[in-house]
Amino acid sequence: MKNEHYVYALVDPINRIPFYIGKGKKDRCFSHLKGYSNYNQEKLNYINNIRSFGFEPVVYKIIENLSNKDSLEY
């Protein structure tokens, strides 16, 4: 079994507070910034609000090299 999953946070660069925690693999954590996951309008509004101030959300990988099961537990 490959341990290709990770847990990540999207962080507001203005107040340095995470506003979204997710799990993914490959470049999943960056898809939010491209607007691909439009099912969560609140998150997209938050990202757009950050951008309206001239900033960009920061992506932090919290823990890497996890199985899918382990990433769900975190």
N, C-alpha and C. Protein backbone atom coordinates (compact mmCIF):
# COMPACT_ATOMS: atom_id res chain seq x y z
N MET A 1 0.84 -1.19 0.00
CA MET A 1 0.00 0.00 0.00
C MET A 1 0.88 1.25 0.00
N LYS A 2 0.58 2.15 -0.90
CA LYS A 2 1.34 3.39 -0.99
C LYS A 2 0.83 4.39 0.05
N ASN A 3 1.75 5.09 0.64
CA ASN A 3 1.40 6.16 1.56
C ASN A 3 1.59 7.48 0.84
N GLU A 4 0.60 7.81 0.01
CA GLU A 4 0.71 9.00 -0.83
C GLU A 4 -0.22 10.13 -0.39
N HIS A 5 -0.92 9.96 0.70
CA HIS A 5 -1.86 10.97 1.17
C HIS A 5 -1.21 11.91 2.19
N TYR A 6 -1.87 13.04 2.41
CA TYR A 6 -1.38 14.01 3.39
C TYR A 6 -2.57 14.79 3.95
N VAL A 7 -2.32 15.49 5.03
CA VAL A 7 -3.29 16.39 5.63
C VAL A 7 -2.74 17.80 5.48
N TYR A 8 -3.60 18.73 5.10
CA TYR A 8 -3.15 20.09 4.83
C TYR A 8 -4.09 21.12 5.43
N ALA A 9 -3.57 22.33 5.53
CA ALA A 9 -4.37 23.45 6.03
C ALA A 9 -4.27 24.61 5.06
N LEU A 10 -5.39 25.29 4.86
CA LEU A 10 -5.40 26.57 4.16
C LEU A 10 -5.42 27.63 5.25
N VAL A 11 -4.46 28.54 5.19
CA VAL A 11 -4.28 29.51 6.25
C VAL A 11 -4.47 30.93 5.72
N ASP A 12 -5.19 31.71 6.50
CA ASP A 12 -5.38 33.13 6.20
C ASP A 12 -4.07 33.83 6.50
N PRO A 13 -3.41 34.45 5.50
CA PRO A 13 -2.12 35.08 5.72
C PRO A 13 -2.22 36.38 6.53
N ILE A 14 -3.41 36.93 6.66
CA ILE A 14 -3.60 38.18 7.39
C ILE A 14 -3.57 37.93 8.90
N ASN A 15 -4.33 36.93 9.35
CA ASN A 15 -4.37 36.66 10.79
C ASN A 15 -3.68 35.35 11.17
N ARG A 16 -3.17 34.64 10.17
CA ARG A 16 -2.43 33.38 10.35
C ARG A 16 -3.27 32.27 10.99
N ILE A 17 -4.56 32.30 10.78
CA ILE A 17 -5.45 31.29 11.33
C ILE A 17 -5.91 30.36 10.21
N PRO A 18 -5.80 29.03 10.43
CA PRO A 18 -6.31 28.09 9.43
C PRO A 18 -7.83 28.24 9.29
N PHE A 19 -8.30 28.23 8.06
CA PHE A 19 -9.74 28.30 7.84
C PHE A 19 -10.27 27.06 7.13
N TYR A 20 -9.38 26.13 6.80
CA TYR A 20 -9.82 24.88 6.17
C TYR A 20 -8.75 23.82 6.39
N ILE A 21 -9.18 22.63 6.80
CA ILE A 21 -8.29 21.48 6.95
C ILE A 21 -8.82 20.39 6.02
N GLY A 22 -7.92 19.79 5.26
CA GLY A 22 -8.35 18.75 4.33
C GLY A 22 -7.32 17.65 4.21
N LYS A 23 -7.67 16.64 3.44
CA LYS A 23 -6.74 15.55 3.13
C LYS A 23 -6.66 15.42 1.63
N GLY A 24 -5.55 14.96 1.15
CA GLY A 24 -5.44 14.82 -0.29
C GLY A 24 -4.21 14.04 -0.68
N LYS A 25 -4.00 14.01 -2.00
CA LYS A 25 -2.80 13.44 -2.57
C LYS A 25 -2.50 14.23 -3.84
N LYS A 26 -1.29 14.09 -4.31
CA LYS A 26 -0.81 14.87 -5.46
C LYS A 26 -1.00 16.36 -5.18
N ASP A 27 -1.63 17.10 -6.09
CA ASP A 27 -1.74 18.56 -5.90
C ASP A 27 -3.13 18.99 -5.41
N ARG A 28 -3.83 18.11 -4.74
CA ARG A 28 -5.18 18.39 -4.26
C ARG A 28 -5.25 19.69 -3.43
N CYS A 29 -4.27 19.93 -2.60
CA CYS A 29 -4.33 21.09 -1.70
C CYS A 29 -4.36 22.41 -2.46
N PHE A 30 -3.88 22.43 -3.68
CA PHE A 30 -3.86 23.67 -4.45
C PHE A 30 -5.12 23.86 -5.30
N SER A 31 -5.94 22.83 -5.41
CA SER A 31 -7.14 22.94 -6.24
C SER A 31 -8.13 23.97 -5.68
N HIS A 32 -8.11 24.17 -4.38
CA HIS A 32 -9.00 25.16 -3.77
C HIS A 32 -8.68 26.57 -4.29
N LEU A 33 -7.41 26.82 -4.48
CA LEU A 33 -6.98 28.15 -4.92
C LEU A 33 -7.33 28.40 -6.38
N LYS A 34 -7.57 27.32 -7.12
CA LYS A 34 -7.94 27.44 -8.53
C LYS A 34 -9.46 27.46 -8.70
N GLY A 35 -10.19 27.26 -7.60
CA GLY A 35 -11.65 27.31 -7.64
C GLY A 35 -12.31 26.03 -8.11
N TYR A 36 -11.56 24.91 -8.11
CA TYR A 36 -12.12 23.66 -8.60
C TYR A 36 -13.16 23.06 -7.67
N SER A 37 -13.02 23.28 -6.40
CA SER A 37 -13.96 22.67 -5.44
C SER A 37 -15.03 23.69 -5.08
N ASN A 38 -15.97 23.89 -5.98
CA ASN A 38 -16.97 24.94 -5.80
C ASN A 38 -18.17 24.50 -4.97
N TYR A 39 -18.12 23.31 -4.38
CA TYR A 39 -19.23 22.84 -3.56
C TYR A 39 -19.27 23.53 -2.20
N ASN A 40 -18.16 24.13 -1.78
CA ASN A 40 -18.09 24.79 -0.48
C ASN A 40 -18.00 26.30 -0.71
N GLN A 41 -19.14 26.91 -0.86
CA GLN A 41 -19.19 28.35 -1.19
C GLN A 41 -18.60 29.22 -0.09
N GLU A 42 -18.77 28.80 1.16
CA GLU A 42 -18.22 29.57 2.28
C GLU A 42 -16.70 29.65 2.19
N LYS A 43 -16.07 28.53 1.85
CA LYS A 43 -14.60 28.51 1.70
C LYS A 43 -14.18 29.38 0.52
N LEU A 44 -14.88 29.28 -0.59
CA LEU A 44 -14.54 30.10 -1.76
C LEU A 44 -14.72 31.59 -1.46
N ASN A 45 -15.76 31.94 -0.71
CA ASN A 45 -15.95 33.33 -0.32
C ASN A 45 -14.81 33.82 0.55
N TYR A 46 -14.34 32.96 1.45
CA TYR A 46 -13.23 33.32 2.33
C TYR A 46 -11.96 33.56 1.50
N ILE A 47 -11.71 32.68 0.55
CA ILE A 47 -10.54 32.84 -0.33
C ILE A 47 -10.65 34.14 -1.12
N ASN A 48 -11.83 34.42 -1.66
CA ASN A 48 -12.02 35.65 -2.43
C ASN A 48 -11.86 36.89 -1.56
N ASN A 49 -12.29 36.79 -0.31
CA ASN A 49 -12.12 37.92 0.62
C ASN A 49 -10.64 38.19 0.88
N ILE A 50 -9.87 37.14 1.10
CA ILE A 50 -8.42 37.29 1.30
C ILE A 50 -7.80 37.96 0.07
N ARG A 51 -8.20 37.52 -1.09
CA ARG A 51 -7.66 38.08 -2.33
C ARG A 51 -8.07 39.55 -2.52
N SER A 52 -9.23 39.92 -2.02
CA SER A 52 -9.68 41.31 -2.16
C SER A 52 -8.76 42.27 -1.39
N PHE A 53 -8.02 41.75 -0.41
CA PHE A 53 -7.06 42.56 0.34
C PHE A 53 -5.65 42.46 -0.26
N GLY A 54 -5.52 41.77 -1.38
CA GLY A 54 -4.24 41.67 -2.06
C GLY A 54 -3.35 40.55 -1.57
N PHE A 55 -3.92 39.59 -0.87
CA PHE A 55 -3.15 38.46 -0.35
C PHE A 55 -3.62 37.17 -1.01
N GLU A 56 -2.88 36.12 -0.72
CA GLU A 56 -3.21 34.79 -1.23
C GLU A 56 -3.17 33.82 -0.05
N PRO A 57 -4.15 32.91 0.06
CA PRO A 57 -4.10 31.92 1.14
C PRO A 57 -2.80 31.12 1.07
N VAL A 58 -2.34 30.68 2.24
CA VAL A 58 -1.12 29.89 2.34
C VAL A 58 -1.52 28.43 2.55
N VAL A 59 -0.83 27.54 1.85
CA VAL A 59 -1.10 26.10 1.97
C VAL A 59 0.05 25.48 2.76
N TYR A 60 -0.31 24.78 3.84
CA TYR A 60 0.67 24.05 4.64
C TYR A 60 0.30 22.57 4.64
N LYS A 61 1.26 21.75 4.30
CA LYS A 61 1.06 20.31 4.47
C LYS A 61 1.46 20.00 5.91
N ILE A 62 0.50 19.53 6.67
CA ILE A 62 0.71 19.29 8.09
C ILE A 62 1.45 17.99 8.33
N ILE A 63 1.02 16.95 7.64
CA ILE A 63 1.66 15.64 7.77
C ILE A 63 1.53 14.92 6.42
N GLU A 64 2.61 14.27 6.00
CA GLU A 64 2.65 13.61 4.69
C GLU A 64 2.94 12.12 4.84
N ASN A 65 2.92 11.44 3.69
CA ASN A 65 3.25 10.00 3.62
C ASN A 65 2.30 9.15 4.46
N LEU A 66 1.02 9.39 4.30
CA LEU A 66 0.00 8.66 5.04
C LEU A 66 -0.80 7.77 4.11
N SER A 67 -1.37 6.72 4.67
CA SER A 67 -2.35 5.94 3.93
C SER A 67 -3.65 6.74 3.90
N ASN A 68 -4.56 6.39 3.04
CA ASN A 68 -5.85 7.08 2.98
C ASN A 68 -6.55 6.98 4.34
N LYS A 69 -6.53 5.80 4.94
CA LYS A 69 -7.17 5.59 6.24
C LYS A 69 -6.57 6.49 7.30
N ASP A 70 -5.24 6.55 7.36
CA ASP A 70 -4.59 7.39 8.36
C ASP A 70 -4.87 8.87 8.13
N SER A 71 -4.93 9.29 6.87
CA SER A 71 -5.20 10.70 6.60
C SER A 71 -6.60 11.08 7.06
N LEU A 72 -7.56 10.15 6.95
CA LEU A 72 -8.92 10.40 7.44
C LEU A 72 -8.94 10.53 8.96
N GLU A 73 -8.12 9.74 9.63
CA GLU A 73 -8.08 9.79 11.10
C GLU A 73 -7.52 11.11 11.60
N TYR A 74 -6.52 11.65 10.91
CA TYR A 74 -5.97 12.94 11.31
C TYR A 74 -6.98 14.03 11.04
